[in-house]
Amino acid sequence: MCTTIMVLSTIALLLRRMFINRVKPQLKQKEHI
């Protein structure tokens, strides 16, 4: 269970970083995340 939670958290962080990097140029800092 602990290992799965760790993996899910790491994947979530990576996906969030990719999503933010992909959306940042479009938003141009209009919405603060």
N, C-alpha and C. Protein backbone atom coordinates (compact mmCIF):
# COMPACT_ATOMS: atom_id res chain seq x y z
N MET A 1 0.84 -1.21 0.00
CA MET A 1 0.00 0.00 0.00
C MET A 1 0.87 1.25 0.00
N CYS A 2 1.86 1.28 0.89
CA CYS A 2 2.72 2.48 0.99
C CYS A 2 3.43 2.74 -0.34
N THR A 3 3.92 1.65 -0.94
CA THR A 3 4.66 1.83 -2.20
C THR A 3 3.73 2.36 -3.29
N THR A 4 2.51 1.85 -3.35
CA THR A 4 1.57 2.32 -4.37
C THR A 4 1.25 3.79 -4.16
N ILE A 5 1.07 4.19 -2.90
CA ILE A 5 0.76 5.60 -2.60
C ILE A 5 1.94 6.48 -3.02
N MET A 6 3.16 6.01 -2.74
CA MET A 6 4.35 6.78 -3.13
C MET A 6 4.40 6.94 -4.65
N VAL A 7 4.17 5.84 -5.36
CA VAL A 7 4.21 5.89 -6.83
C VAL A 7 3.13 6.83 -7.36
N LEU A 8 1.92 6.72 -6.82
CA LEU A 8 0.83 7.58 -7.27
C LEU A 8 1.15 9.05 -7.02
N SER A 9 1.72 9.35 -5.86
CA SER A 9 2.06 10.74 -5.53
C SER A 9 3.12 11.26 -6.48
N THR A 10 4.13 10.45 -6.77
CA THR A 10 5.20 10.89 -7.68
C THR A 10 4.63 11.11 -9.08
N ILE A 11 3.79 10.20 -9.55
CA ILE A 11 3.18 10.34 -10.87
C ILE A 11 2.31 11.60 -10.91
N ALA A 12 1.55 11.84 -9.84
CA ALA A 12 0.70 13.03 -9.79
C ALA A 12 1.54 14.29 -9.88
N LEU A 13 2.67 14.32 -9.17
CA LEU A 13 3.54 15.50 -9.20
C LEU A 13 4.10 15.70 -10.61
N LEU A 14 4.54 14.61 -11.24
CA LEU A 14 5.09 14.73 -12.60
C LEU A 14 4.02 15.21 -13.57
N LEU A 15 2.82 14.64 -13.49
CA LEU A 15 1.74 15.06 -14.39
C LEU A 15 1.38 16.52 -14.15
N ARG A 16 1.36 16.94 -12.86
CA ARG A 16 1.03 18.33 -12.54
C ARG A 16 2.07 19.27 -13.14
N ARG A 17 3.36 18.88 -13.03
CA ARG A 17 4.43 19.72 -13.59
C ARG A 17 4.28 19.83 -15.10
N MET A 18 4.05 18.70 -15.77
CA MET A 18 3.88 18.71 -17.22
C MET A 18 2.67 19.56 -17.61
N PHE A 19 1.55 19.41 -16.88
CA PHE A 19 0.35 20.17 -17.19
C PHE A 19 0.58 21.66 -17.01
N ILE A 20 1.25 22.05 -15.90
CA ILE A 20 1.52 23.46 -15.64
C ILE A 20 2.43 24.02 -16.73
N ASN A 21 3.47 23.28 -17.09
CA ASN A 21 4.40 23.74 -18.12
C ASN A 21 3.68 23.89 -19.46
N ARG A 22 2.73 23.01 -19.74
CA ARG A 22 2.01 23.06 -21.01
C ARG A 22 0.99 24.20 -21.03
N VAL A 23 0.40 24.52 -19.86
CA VAL A 23 -0.67 25.52 -19.81
C VAL A 23 -0.12 26.92 -19.54
N LYS A 24 1.06 27.02 -18.89
CA LYS A 24 1.60 28.33 -18.51
C LYS A 24 1.62 29.32 -19.68
N PRO A 25 2.20 28.99 -20.84
CA PRO A 25 2.26 29.96 -21.95
C PRO A 25 0.88 30.39 -22.43
N GLN A 26 -0.12 29.52 -22.29
CA GLN A 26 -1.47 29.88 -22.75
C GLN A 26 -2.14 30.84 -21.77
N LEU A 27 -1.95 30.61 -20.46
CA LEU A 27 -2.60 31.45 -19.46
C LEU A 27 -1.91 32.80 -19.34
N LYS A 28 -0.58 32.81 -19.52
CA LYS A 28 0.19 34.05 -19.37
C LYS A 28 0.00 34.62 -17.97
N GLN A 29 0.01 33.76 -16.95
CA GLN A 29 -0.09 34.15 -15.54
C GLN A 29 -1.40 34.88 -15.25
N LYS A 30 -2.49 34.49 -15.91
CA LYS A 30 -3.79 35.10 -15.61
C LYS A 30 -4.36 34.50 -14.33
N GLU A 31 -4.25 33.16 -14.20
CA GLU A 31 -4.76 32.48 -13.01
C GLU A 31 -3.60 31.93 -12.20
N HIS A 32 -3.60 32.21 -10.90
CA HIS A 32 -2.53 31.70 -10.05
C HIS A 32 -2.86 30.28 -9.59
N ILE A 33 -1.97 29.35 -9.87
CA ILE A 33 -2.21 27.95 -9.48
C ILE A 33 -1.42 27.65 -8.22
